[in-house]
Amino acid sequence: MSLESIKEILETVCFYNTVNITQTFSKNEQALLTVVCLKNTSTLEVKNLQAQTVNYFESVEEAAVAIEKEIGAYNLTS
């Protein structure tokens, strides 16, 4: 998935920040990450389902780069 595609998805999630939308990023049918935009904010919460970690991002750009990196790291370890 391209960085631009990830950004578009995150921008959509943030646009609808008044409702609960969860975006799941998967690879080979295995869920890797979930992303939500905290209600009424522009803060993105990214959960790594394998490492069981949570990171918060104030910008779509930073979150997209982190997600792209995590997906790439999964490709190297799987």
PDB file of N, CA and C in Angstrom:
ATOM      1  N   MET A   1       0.854  -1.171   0.000  1.00  0.00           N
ATOM      2  CA  MET A   1       0.000   0.000   0.000  1.00  0.00           C
ATOM      3  C   MET A   1       0.899   1.233   0.000  1.00  0.00           C
ATOM      4  N   SER A   2       0.567   2.174  -0.831  1.00  0.00           N
ATOM      5  CA  SER A   2       1.405   3.370  -0.954  1.00  0.00           C
ATOM      6  C   SER A   2       1.170   4.333   0.211  1.00  0.00           C
ATOM      7  N   LEU A   3       2.157   5.175   0.436  1.00  0.00           N
ATOM      8  CA  LEU A   3       2.050   6.190   1.483  1.00  0.00           C
ATOM      9  C   LEU A   3       0.862   7.112   1.215  1.00  0.00           C
ATOM     10  N   GLU A   4       0.648   7.466  -0.036  1.00  0.00           N
ATOM     11  CA  GLU A   4      -0.483   8.335  -0.392  1.00  0.00           C
ATOM     12  C   GLU A   4      -1.822   7.679  -0.072  1.00  0.00           C
ATOM     13  N   SER A   5      -1.938   6.377  -0.321  1.00  0.00           N
ATOM     14  CA  SER A   5      -3.181   5.658  -0.008  1.00  0.00           C
ATOM     15  C   SER A   5      -3.435   5.639   1.494  1.00  0.00           C
ATOM     16  N   ILE A   6      -2.375   5.424   2.256  1.00  0.00           N
ATOM     17  CA  ILE A   6      -2.503   5.424   3.716  1.00  0.00           C
ATOM     18  C   ILE A   6      -2.961   6.801   4.192  1.00  0.00           C
ATOM     19  N   LYS A   7      -2.367   7.854   3.649  1.00  0.00           N
ATOM     20  CA  LYS A   7      -2.751   9.220   4.025  1.00  0.00           C
ATOM     21  C   LYS A   7      -4.225   9.481   3.723  1.00  0.00           C
ATOM     22  N   GLU A   8      -4.684   9.056   2.561  1.00  0.00           N
ATOM     23  CA  GLU A   8      -6.091   9.258   2.187  1.00  0.00           C
ATOM     24  C   GLU A   8      -7.027   8.573   3.175  1.00  0.00           C
ATOM     25  N   ILE A   9      -6.681   7.356   3.560  1.00  0.00           N
ATOM     26  CA  ILE A   9      -7.496   6.619   4.529  1.00  0.00           C
ATOM     27  C   ILE A   9      -7.530   7.366   5.859  1.00  0.00           C
ATOM     28  N   LEU A  10      -6.369   7.805   6.317  1.00  0.00           N
ATOM     29  CA  LEU A  10      -6.293   8.503   7.601  1.00  0.00           C
ATOM     30  C   LEU A  10      -7.040   9.833   7.564  1.00  0.00           C
ATOM     31  N   GLU A  11      -6.960  10.538   6.457  1.00  0.00           N
ATOM     32  CA  GLU A  11      -7.695  11.797   6.322  1.00  0.00           C
ATOM     33  C   GLU A  11      -9.198  11.560   6.400  1.00  0.00           C
ATOM     34  N   THR A  12      -9.658  10.468   5.815  1.00  0.00           N
ATOM     35  CA  THR A  12     -11.079  10.127   5.879  1.00  0.00           C
ATOM     36  C   THR A  12     -11.490   9.799   7.308  1.00  0.00           C
ATOM     37  N   VAL A  13     -10.672   9.013   7.999  1.00  0.00           N
ATOM     38  CA  VAL A  13     -10.970   8.666   9.392  1.00  0.00           C
ATOM     39  C   VAL A  13     -11.052   9.939  10.238  1.00  0.00           C
ATOM     40  N   CYS A  14     -10.132  10.863  10.038  1.00  0.00           N
ATOM     41  CA  CYS A  14     -10.134  12.118  10.807  1.00  0.00           C
ATOM     42  C   CYS A  14     -11.305  13.021  10.442  1.00  0.00           C
ATOM     43  N   PHE A  15     -11.708  13.002   9.184  1.00  0.00           N
ATOM     44  CA  PHE A  15     -12.832  13.835   8.750  1.00  0.00           C
ATOM     45  C   PHE A  15     -14.098  13.471   9.517  1.00  0.00           C
ATOM     46  N   TYR A  16     -14.271  12.186   9.799  1.00  0.00           N
ATOM     47  CA  TYR A  16     -15.454  11.699  10.509  1.00  0.00           C
ATOM     48  C   TYR A  16     -15.131  11.458  11.983  1.00  0.00           C
ATOM     49  N   ASN A  17     -14.459  12.408  12.621  1.00  0.00           N
ATOM     50  CA  ASN A  17     -14.015  12.216  13.999  1.00  0.00           C
ATOM     51  C   ASN A  17     -15.118  12.381  15.045  1.00  0.00           C
ATOM     52  N   THR A  18     -16.339  12.612  14.616  1.00  0.00           N
ATOM     53  CA  THR A  18     -17.448  12.705  15.570  1.00  0.00           C
ATOM     54  C   THR A  18     -18.146  11.361  15.764  1.00  0.00           C
ATOM     55  N   VAL A  19     -17.740  10.368  15.001  1.00  0.00           N
ATOM     56  CA  VAL A  19     -18.285   9.013  15.131  1.00  0.00           C
ATOM     57  C   VAL A  19     -17.125   8.040  15.330  1.00  0.00           C
ATOM     58  N   ASN A  20     -17.458   6.829  15.727  1.00  0.00           N
ATOM     59  CA  ASN A  20     -16.420   5.826  15.967  1.00  0.00           C
ATOM     60  C   ASN A  20     -16.152   5.022  14.700  1.00  0.00           C
ATOM     61  N   ILE A  21     -15.022   5.291  14.069  1.00  0.00           N
ATOM     62  CA  ILE A  21     -14.588   4.537  12.893  1.00  0.00           C
ATOM     63  C   ILE A  21     -13.234   3.934  13.219  1.00  0.00           C
ATOM     64  N   THR A  22     -13.110   2.633  12.978  1.00  0.00           N
ATOM     65  CA  THR A  22     -11.829   1.953  13.160  1.00  0.00           C
ATOM     66  C   THR A  22     -11.380   1.414  11.819  1.00  0.00           C
ATOM     67  N   GLN A  23     -10.169   1.756  11.428  1.00  0.00           N
ATOM     68  CA  GLN A  23      -9.563   1.248  10.193  1.00  0.00           C
ATOM     69  C   GLN A  23      -8.551   0.179  10.582  1.00  0.00           C
ATOM     70  N   THR A  24      -8.653  -0.987   9.957  1.00  0.00           N
ATOM     71  CA  THR A  24      -7.713  -2.075  10.219  1.00  0.00           C
ATOM     72  C   THR A  24      -6.809  -2.263   9.015  1.00  0.00           C
ATOM     73  N   PHE A  25      -5.506  -2.328   9.271  1.00  0.00           N
ATOM     74  CA  PHE A  25      -4.522  -2.611   8.236  1.00  0.00           C
ATOM     75  C   PHE A  25      -4.086  -4.057   8.409  1.00  0.00           C
ATOM     76  N   SER A  26      -4.223  -4.844   7.332  1.00  0.00           N
ATOM     77  CA  SER A  26      -3.917  -6.271   7.373  1.00  0.00           C
ATOM     78  C   SER A  26      -2.905  -6.633   6.303  1.00  0.00           C
ATOM     79  N   LYS A  27      -2.248  -7.750   6.522  1.00  0.00           N
ATOM     80  CA  LYS A  27      -1.329  -8.307   5.526  1.00  0.00           C
ATOM     81  C   LYS A  27      -1.537  -9.813   5.533  1.00  0.00           C
ATOM     82  N   ASN A  28      -1.771 -10.386   4.358  1.00  0.00           N
ATOM     83  CA  ASN A  28      -2.017 -11.830   4.246  1.00  0.00           C
ATOM     84  C   ASN A  28      -3.121 -12.285   5.198  1.00  0.00           C
ATOM     85  N   GLU A  29      -4.194 -11.504   5.240  1.00  0.00           N
ATOM     86  CA  GLU A  29      -5.376 -11.779   6.053  1.00  0.00           C
ATOM     87  C   GLU A  29      -5.107 -11.750   7.554  1.00  0.00           C
ATOM     88  N   GLN A  30      -3.988 -11.192   7.973  1.00  0.00           N
ATOM     89  CA  GLN A  30      -3.675 -11.053   9.393  1.00  0.00           C
ATOM     90  C   GLN A  30      -3.719  -9.575   9.767  1.00  0.00           C
ATOM     91  N   ALA A  31      -4.576  -9.246  10.718  1.00  0.00           N
ATOM     92  CA  ALA A  31      -4.691  -7.857  11.165  1.00  0.00           C
ATOM     93  C   ALA A  31      -3.403  -7.442  11.863  1.00  0.00           C
ATOM     94  N   LEU A  32      -2.827  -6.318  11.424  1.00  0.00           N
ATOM     95  CA  LEU A  32      -1.576  -5.823  11.996  1.00  0.00           C
ATOM     96  C   LEU A  32      -1.795  -4.600  12.879  1.00  0.00           C
ATOM     97  N   LEU A  33      -2.563  -3.640  12.363  1.00  0.00           N
ATOM     98  CA  LEU A  33      -2.741  -2.354  13.033  1.00  0.00           C
ATOM     99  C   LEU A  33      -4.193  -1.924  12.964  1.00  0.00           C
ATOM    100  N   THR A  34      -4.632  -1.214  13.993  1.00  0.00           N
ATOM    101  CA  THR A  34      -5.918  -0.532  13.918  1.00  0.00           C
ATOM    102  C   THR A  34      -5.674   0.950  14.169  1.00  0.00           C
ATOM    103  N   VAL A  35      -6.494   1.767  13.537  1.00  0.00           N
ATOM    104  CA  VAL A  35      -6.371   3.219  13.677  1.00  0.00           C
ATOM    105  C   VAL A  35      -7.744   3.811  13.947  1.00  0.00           C
ATOM    106  N   VAL A  36      -7.799   4.685  14.930  1.00  0.00           N
ATOM    107  CA  VAL A  36      -9.000   5.480  15.183  1.00  0.00           C
ATOM    108  C   VAL A  36      -8.571   6.929  15.360  1.00  0.00           C
ATOM    109  N   CYS A  37      -9.469   7.827  15.063  1.00  0.00           N
ATOM    110  CA  CYS A  37      -9.256   9.242  15.359  1.00  0.00           C
ATOM    111  C   CYS A  37     -10.043   9.509  16.637  1.00  0.00           C
ATOM    112  N   LEU A  38      -9.356   9.988  17.656  1.00  0.00           N
ATOM    113  CA  LEU A  38     -10.032  10.231  18.921  1.00  0.00           C
ATOM    114  C   LEU A  38     -11.153  11.243  18.713  1.00  0.00           C
ATOM    115  N   LYS A  39     -12.272  10.952  19.335  1.00  0.00           N
ATOM    116  CA  LYS A  39     -13.495  11.712  19.098  1.00  0.00           C
ATOM    117  C   LYS A  39     -13.289  13.214  19.295  1.00  0.00           C
ATOM    118  N   ASN A  40     -13.752  13.968  18.300  1.00  0.00           N
ATOM    119  CA  ASN A  40     -13.712  15.433  18.292  1.00  0.00           C
ATOM    120  C   ASN A  40     -12.299  16.014  18.372  1.00  0.00           C
ATOM    121  N   THR A  41     -11.311  15.254  17.895  1.00  0.00           N
ATOM    122  CA  THR A  41      -9.925  15.739  17.839  1.00  0.00           C
ATOM    123  C   THR A  41      -9.357  15.371  16.474  1.00  0.00           C
ATOM    124  N   SER A  42      -8.101  15.687  16.260  1.00  0.00           N
ATOM    125  CA  SER A  42      -7.400  15.216  15.060  1.00  0.00           C
ATOM    126  C   SER A  42      -6.282  14.258  15.452  1.00  0.00           C
ATOM    127  N   THR A  43      -6.337  13.733  16.673  1.00  0.00           N
ATOM    128  CA  THR A  43      -5.329  12.798  17.176  1.00  0.00           C
ATOM    129  C   THR A  43      -5.644  11.392  16.694  1.00  0.00           C
ATOM    130  N   LEU A  44      -4.658  10.770  16.066  1.00  0.00           N
ATOM    131  CA  LEU A  44      -4.810   9.398  15.586  1.00  0.00           C
ATOM    132  C   LEU A  44      -4.180   8.430  16.580  1.00  0.00           C
ATOM    133  N   GLU A  45      -4.942   7.405  16.942  1.00  0.00           N
ATOM    134  CA  GLU A  45      -4.459   6.354  17.833  1.00  0.00           C
ATOM    135  C   GLU A  45      -4.168   5.124  16.982  1.00  0.00           C
ATOM    136  N   VAL A  46      -2.912   4.700  16.964  1.00  0.00           N
ATOM    137  CA  VAL A  46      -2.490   3.554  16.159  1.00  0.00           C
ATOM    138  C   VAL A  46      -2.101   2.427  17.106  1.00  0.00           C
ATOM    139  N   LYS A  47      -2.830   1.314  17.006  1.00  0.00           N
ATOM    140  CA  LYS A  47      -2.539   0.149  17.840  1.00  0.00           C
ATOM    141  C   LYS A  47      -1.856  -0.916  16.994  1.00  0.00           C
ATOM    142  N   ASN A  48      -0.707  -1.374  17.465  1.00  0.00           N
ATOM    143  CA  ASN A  48      -0.014  -2.496  16.846  1.00  0.00           C
ATOM    144  C   ASN A  48      -0.546  -3.742  17.536  1.00  0.00           C
ATOM    145  N   LEU A  49      -1.302  -4.549  16.818  1.00  0.00           N
ATOM    146  CA  LEU A  49      -1.977  -5.690  17.419  1.00  0.00           C
ATOM    147  C   LEU A  49      -1.021  -6.809  17.804  1.00  0.00           C
ATOM    148  N   GLN A  50       0.094  -6.941  17.101  1.00  0.00           N
ATOM    149  CA  GLN A  50       1.063  -7.984  17.425  1.00  0.00           C
ATOM    150  C   GLN A  50       1.912  -7.602  18.633  1.00  0.00           C
ATOM    151  N   ALA A  51       2.409  -6.384  18.651  1.00  0.00           N
ATOM    152  CA  ALA A  51       3.270  -5.922  19.749  1.00  0.00           C
ATOM    153  C   ALA A  51       2.453  -5.421  20.940  1.00  0.00           C
ATOM    154  N   GLN A  52       1.148  -5.258  20.738  1.00  0.00           N
ATOM    155  CA  GLN A  52       0.241  -4.745  21.754  1.00  0.00           C
ATOM    156  C   GLN A  52       0.713  -3.393  22.292  1.00  0.00           C
ATOM    157  N   THR A  53       1.043  -2.501  21.355  1.00  0.00           N
ATOM    158  CA  THR A  53       1.461  -1.150  21.712  1.00  0.00           C
ATOM    159  C   THR A  53       0.489  -0.149  21.105  1.00  0.00           C
ATOM    160  N   VAL A  54       0.460   1.038  21.688  1.00  0.00           N
ATOM    161  CA  VAL A  54      -0.400   2.113  21.200  1.00  0.00           C
ATOM    162  C   VAL A  54       0.451   3.369  21.046  1.00  0.00           C
ATOM    163  N   ASN A  55       0.319   4.030  19.904  1.00  0.00           N
ATOM    164  CA  ASN A  55       1.007   5.290  19.657  1.00  0.00           C
ATOM    165  C   ASN A  55      -0.013   6.323  19.209  1.00  0.00           C
ATOM    166  N   TYR A  56       0.253   7.568  19.566  1.00  0.00           N
ATOM    167  CA  TYR A  56      -0.636   8.670  19.211  1.00  0.00           C
ATOM    168  C   TYR A  56       0.095   9.638  18.294  1.00  0.00           C
ATOM    169  N   PHE A  57      -0.612  10.122  17.285  1.00  0.00           N
ATOM    170  CA  PHE A  57      -0.036  11.034  16.302  1.00  0.00           C
ATOM    171  C   PHE A  57      -0.955  12.230  16.120  1.00  0.00           C
ATOM    172  N   GLU A  58      -0.357  13.403  16.044  1.00  0.00           N
ATOM    173  CA  GLU A  58      -1.117  14.631  15.843  1.00  0.00           C
ATOM    174  C   GLU A  58      -1.248  14.984  14.366  1.00  0.00           C
ATOM    175  N   SER A  59      -0.471  14.310  13.513  1.00  0.00           N
ATOM    176  CA  SER A  59      -0.562  14.615  12.082  1.00  0.00           C
ATOM    177  C   SER A  59      -0.758  13.339  11.275  1.00  0.00           C
ATOM    178  N   VAL A  60      -1.502  13.490  10.190  1.00  0.00           N
ATOM    179  CA  VAL A  60      -1.731  12.379   9.267  1.00  0.00           C
ATOM    180  C   VAL A  60      -0.405  11.916   8.677  1.00  0.00           C
ATOM    181  N   GLU A  61       0.450  12.854   8.336  1.00  0.00           N
ATOM    182  CA  GLU A  61       1.752  12.532   7.729  1.00  0.00           C
ATOM    183  C   GLU A  61       2.576  11.620   8.638  1.00  0.00           C
ATOM    184  N   GLU A  62       2.712  11.994   9.908  1.00  0.00           N
ATOM    185  CA  GLU A  62       3.499  11.188  10.851  1.00  0.00           C
ATOM    186  C   GLU A  62       2.894   9.799  11.035  1.00  0.00           C
ATOM    187  N   ALA A  63       1.581   9.746  11.167  1.00  0.00           N
ATOM    188  CA  ALA A  63       0.912   8.460  11.349  1.00  0.00           C
ATOM    189  C   ALA A  63       1.082   7.580  10.117  1.00  0.00           C
ATOM    190  N   ALA A  64       0.947   8.163   8.939  1.00  0.00           N
ATOM    191  CA  ALA A  64       1.075   7.393   7.695  1.00  0.00           C
ATOM    192  C   ALA A  64       2.474   6.810   7.548  1.00  0.00           C
ATOM    193  N   VAL A  65       3.488   7.598   7.861  1.00  0.00           N
ATOM    194  CA  VAL A  65       4.870   7.109   7.775  1.00  0.00           C
ATOM    195  C   VAL A  65       5.082   5.960   8.761  1.00  0.00           C
ATOM    196  N   ALA A  66       4.566   6.101   9.977  1.00  0.00           N
ATOM    197  CA  ALA A  66       4.707   5.044  10.980  1.00  0.00           C
ATOM    198  C   ALA A  66       3.989   3.766  10.544  1.00  0.00           C
ATOM    199  N   ILE A  67       2.800   3.911   9.975  1.00  0.00           N
ATOM    200  CA  ILE A  67       2.040   2.745   9.511  1.00  0.00           C
ATOM    201  C   ILE A  67       2.770   2.063   8.363  1.00  0.00           C
ATOM    202  N   GLU A  68       3.253   2.849   7.423  1.00  0.00           N
ATOM    203  CA  GLU A  68       4.003   2.284   6.298  1.00  0.00           C
ATOM    204  C   GLU A  68       5.228   1.515   6.801  1.00  0.00           C
ATOM    205  N   LYS A  69       5.907   2.061   7.782  1.00  0.00           N
ATOM    206  CA  LYS A  69       7.090   1.411   8.365  1.00  0.00           C
ATOM    207  C   LYS A  69       6.714   0.088   9.034  1.00  0.00           C
ATOM    208  N   GLU A  70       5.610   0.086   9.790  1.00  0.00           N
ATOM    209  CA  GLU A  70       5.167  -1.139  10.466  1.00  0.00           C
ATOM    210  C   GLU A  70       4.782  -2.223   9.461  1.00  0.00           C
ATOM    211  N   ILE A  71       4.090  -1.832   8.411  1.00  0.00           N
ATOM    212  CA  ILE A  71       3.713  -2.806   7.382  1.00  0.00           C
ATOM    213  C   ILE A  71       4.966  -3.361   6.717  1.00  0.00           C
ATOM    214  N   GLY A  72       5.938  -2.501   6.434  1.00  0.00           N
ATOM    215  CA  GLY A  72       7.203  -2.934   5.849  1.00  0.00           C
ATOM    216  C   GLY A  72       7.979  -3.848   6.767  1.00  0.00           C
ATOM    217  N   ALA A  73       7.975  -3.557   8.072  1.00  0.00           N
ATOM    218  CA  ALA A  73       8.672  -4.400   9.048  1.00  0.00           C
ATOM    219  C   ALA A  73       8.029  -5.780   9.100  1.00  0.00           C
ATOM    220  N   TYR A  74       6.704  -5.823   8.968  1.00  0.00           N
ATOM    221  CA  TYR A  74       6.017  -7.114   8.957  1.00  0.00           C
ATOM    222  C   TYR A  74       6.467  -7.940   7.760  1.00  0.00           C
ATOM    223  N   ASN A  75       6.655  -7.304   6.618  1.00  0.00           N
ATOM    224  CA  ASN A  75       7.115  -8.015   5.424  1.00  0.00           C
ATOM    225  C   ASN A  75       8.474  -8.656   5.650  1.00  0.00           C
ATOM    226  N   LEU A  76       9.333  -8.001   6.437  1.00  0.00           N
ATOM    227  CA  LEU A  76      10.673  -8.520   6.689  1.00  0.00           C
ATOM    228  C   LEU A  76      10.676  -9.665   7.689  1.00  0.00           C
ATOM    229  N   THR A  77       9.716  -9.673   8.616  1.00  0.00           N
ATOM    230  CA  THR A  77       9.730 -10.673   9.678  1.00  0.00           C
ATOM    231  C   THR A  77       8.798 -11.847   9.419  1.00  0.00           C
ATOM    232  N   SER A  78       7.960 -11.758   8.416  1.00  0.00           N
ATOM    233  CA  SER A  78       7.008 -12.854   8.181  1.00  0.00           C
ATOM    234  C   SER A  78       7.523 -13.829   7.145  1.00  0.00           C
TER     235      SER A  78
END
